[in-house]
Amino acid sequence: MSSVYDFEAKTIDGQLQKLSDYQGKLLLVVNVASKCGFTPQYKGLEALWRQYQDKGLVILGFPCDQFGHQEPGNEAEIQSFCSLNYEVSFPMYAKIEVNGAGAHPLYQYLKSAAPGVLGTEGIKWNFTKFLIGKDGQVLKRYGSMDTPEKIGEDIAKLL
């Protein structure tokens, strides 16, 4: 696989979505969770989405329950939580695994294209973020502590 455009994923409402549909857009791919200390980052992610969606940014949320069982719900429960608590309107996807043998192929690609600290590929926690250029190539990996507001500075420069 040569870019994120080579992958597809199931949306939170069960539709298969080709990531090539986002060609020419700047993407921020995030593994999210509803019961995490970083969950309030949904507010900042939604603010980025609203600020930059008309300029070519798309945020893609991928729920994951691999870290402390912090995303226990099903897709309908996750969607309801995000809507009611954070008014999330950016694209959300079905729950996936980001590490291990069952890791979604997109995340296998992202981790190898942008390893973390000291070259480790594994996702350390919820709200790890990957910034993808308009050409589908991984530009940068951000950890959970990197806030959407901080990442917004990089996004503004690229749009």
Protein backbone atom coordinates (compact mmCIF):
# COMPACT_ATOMS: atom_id res chain seq x y z
CA MET A 1 0.00 0.00 0.00
CA SER A 2 1.37 3.36 -0.98
CA SER A 3 -1.00 5.86 0.65
CA VAL A 4 -4.06 6.06 2.91
CA TYR A 5 -6.14 6.22 -0.26
CA ASP A 6 -5.49 2.49 -0.74
CA PHE A 7 -7.68 1.64 2.28
CA GLU A 8 -11.34 1.49 3.14
CA ALA A 9 -13.15 1.35 6.45
CA LYS A 10 -16.67 0.85 7.73
CA THR A 11 -18.40 4.04 8.88
CA ILE A 12 -20.07 4.17 12.28
CA ASP A 13 -23.41 3.51 10.57
CA GLY A 14 -22.08 0.43 8.75
CA GLN A 15 -21.32 1.77 5.26
CA LEU A 16 -18.05 0.85 3.55
CA GLN A 17 -16.09 4.06 2.83
CA LYS A 18 -13.11 4.25 0.49
CA LEU A 19 -10.53 6.66 1.86
CA SER A 20 -9.76 7.61 -1.74
CA ASP A 21 -13.02 9.59 -1.51
CA TYR A 22 -10.97 12.08 0.53
CA GLN A 23 -8.29 12.55 -2.13
CA GLY A 24 -6.96 16.10 -2.18
CA LYS A 25 -7.99 16.75 1.44
CA LEU A 26 -5.81 17.14 4.52
CA LEU A 27 -6.76 14.33 6.92
CA LEU A 28 -6.42 14.00 10.68
CA VAL A 29 -6.95 10.35 11.69
CA VAL A 30 -7.59 9.80 15.42
CA ASN A 31 -8.26 6.71 17.53
CA VAL A 32 -10.94 7.86 19.98
CA ALA A 33 -12.63 6.62 23.15
CA SER A 34 -15.64 7.80 25.17
CA LYS A 35 -14.43 7.08 28.71
CA CYS A 36 -10.85 8.35 28.61
CA GLY A 37 -9.10 11.24 30.31
CA PHE A 38 -8.45 12.59 26.81
CA THR A 39 -12.11 12.31 25.71
CA PRO A 40 -12.61 16.11 26.10
CA GLN A 41 -10.35 16.42 23.04
CA TYR A 42 -13.51 15.70 21.05
CA LYS A 43 -14.39 19.36 21.69
CA GLY A 44 -11.13 20.58 20.17
CA LEU A 45 -11.35 18.15 17.26
CA GLU A 46 -14.87 19.35 16.48
CA ALA A 47 -13.66 22.97 16.65
CA LEU A 48 -10.87 22.19 14.15
CA TRP A 49 -13.37 20.46 11.89
CA ARG A 50 -15.75 23.42 11.95
CA GLN A 51 -12.94 25.91 11.43
CA TYR A 52 -11.18 24.17 8.55
CA GLN A 53 -13.59 21.79 6.81
CA ASP A 54 -14.36 24.37 4.12
CA LYS A 55 -10.62 24.77 3.51
CA GLY A 56 -10.02 21.07 2.96
CA LEU A 57 -9.58 19.39 6.37
CA VAL A 58 -11.34 16.13 7.19
CA ILE A 59 -11.11 14.57 10.65
CA LEU A 60 -11.69 10.83 10.84
CA GLY A 61 -12.54 9.32 14.23
CA PHE A 62 -11.86 5.61 14.81
CA PRO A 63 -13.25 4.31 18.13
CA CYS A 64 -11.00 1.76 19.79
CA ASP A 65 -11.44 -0.28 22.99
CA GLN A 66 -7.86 -1.55 23.36
CA PHE A 67 -6.77 0.84 26.11
CA GLY A 68 -8.28 0.25 29.53
CA HIS A 69 -11.69 -0.75 28.10
CA GLN A 70 -12.45 2.94 27.60
CA GLU A 71 -14.68 2.47 24.54
CA PRO A 72 -17.07 -0.26 25.74
CA GLY A 73 -20.15 0.73 23.74
CA ASN A 74 -21.39 -0.39 20.35
CA GLU A 75 -21.44 1.93 17.34
CA ALA A 76 -24.92 3.34 18.10
CA GLU A 77 -23.92 4.10 21.71
CA ILE A 78 -20.65 5.72 20.59
CA GLN A 79 -22.42 7.83 17.99
CA SER A 80 -25.03 8.94 20.53
CA PHE A 81 -22.36 9.80 23.13
CA CYS A 82 -20.36 11.87 20.63
CA SER A 83 -23.40 13.71 19.36
CA LEU A 84 -24.98 14.45 22.74
CA ASN A 85 -21.82 15.36 24.66
CA TYR A 86 -19.57 16.97 22.03
CA GLU A 87 -21.83 17.66 19.01
CA VAL A 88 -19.40 15.67 16.85
CA SER A 89 -20.17 16.14 13.18
CA PHE A 90 -16.89 14.98 11.60
CA PRO A 91 -16.84 11.46 10.07
CA MET A 92 -16.80 8.64 12.59
CA TYR A 93 -16.05 5.01 11.83
CA ALA A 94 -16.89 1.62 13.30
CA LYS A 95 -14.89 0.43 16.30
CA ILE A 96 -11.53 -1.06 15.30
CA GLU A 97 -8.32 -2.39 16.80
CA VAL A 98 -5.18 -0.31 16.27
CA ASN A 99 -2.59 -2.71 17.73
CA GLY A 100 -1.91 -6.44 17.56
CA ALA A 101 -2.81 -9.12 15.07
CA GLY A 102 -6.32 -7.69 14.61
CA ALA A 103 -5.16 -4.13 13.88
CA HIS A 104 -7.06 -2.51 11.04
CA PRO A 105 -4.94 -2.41 7.84
CA LEU A 106 -5.11 1.41 7.82
CA TYR A 107 -3.51 1.52 11.26
CA GLN A 108 -0.90 -1.04 10.26
CA TYR A 109 0.06 1.34 7.46
CA LEU A 110 -0.06 4.51 9.59
CA LYS A 111 2.14 3.01 12.32
CA SER A 112 4.80 1.87 9.86
CA ALA A 113 4.74 5.16 7.94
CA ALA A 114 5.11 7.28 11.11
CA PRO A 115 6.60 5.35 14.03
CA GLY A 116 6.30 6.80 17.49
CA VAL A 117 8.91 7.66 20.08
CA LEU A 118 12.17 5.76 19.66
CA GLY A 119 10.83 4.15 16.50
CA THR A 120 8.14 2.10 18.21
CA GLU A 121 5.15 1.46 16.01
CA GLY A 122 2.50 0.56 18.57
CA ILE A 123 -0.20 3.06 19.45
CA LYS A 124 0.36 3.97 23.11
CA TRP A 125 -3.12 5.23 24.04
CA ASN A 126 -6.37 6.78 22.88
CA PHE A 127 -6.32 10.01 20.89
CA THR A 128 -3.10 9.31 19.00
CA LYS A 129 -3.36 11.38 15.83
CA PHE A 130 -1.93 11.10 12.31
CA LEU A 131 -1.82 14.08 9.95
CA ILE A 132 -2.12 13.00 6.33
CA GLY A 133 -1.19 15.27 3.41
CA LYS A 134 -3.42 15.99 0.45
CA ASP A 135 -1.43 13.35 -1.47
CA GLY A 136 -2.41 10.62 1.03
CA GLN A 137 1.05 10.43 2.65
CA VAL A 138 1.54 10.49 6.42
CA LEU A 139 3.09 13.81 7.45
CA LYS A 140 3.24 13.54 11.22
CA ARG A 141 2.21 11.46 14.22
CA TYR A 142 0.98 13.13 17.41
CA GLY A 143 0.61 11.56 20.85
CA SER A 144 -2.39 11.71 23.14
CA MET A 145 -0.99 14.73 24.96
CA ASP A 146 -0.84 16.76 21.74
CA THR A 147 -4.02 18.82 21.85
CA PRO A 148 -6.15 19.62 18.82
CA GLU A 149 -5.38 23.29 19.46
CA LYS A 150 -1.64 22.62 19.11
CA ILE A 151 -2.17 20.52 15.99
CA GLY A 152 -4.29 23.33 14.57
CA GLU A 153 -1.11 25.37 14.10
CA ASP A 154 0.30 22.71 11.76
CA ILE A 155 -3.04 22.36 9.95
CA ALA A 156 -3.30 26.11 9.36
CA LYS A 157 0.15 26.12 7.70
CA LEU A 158 -0.83 23.29 5.35
CA LEU A 159 -4.16 24.71 4.27
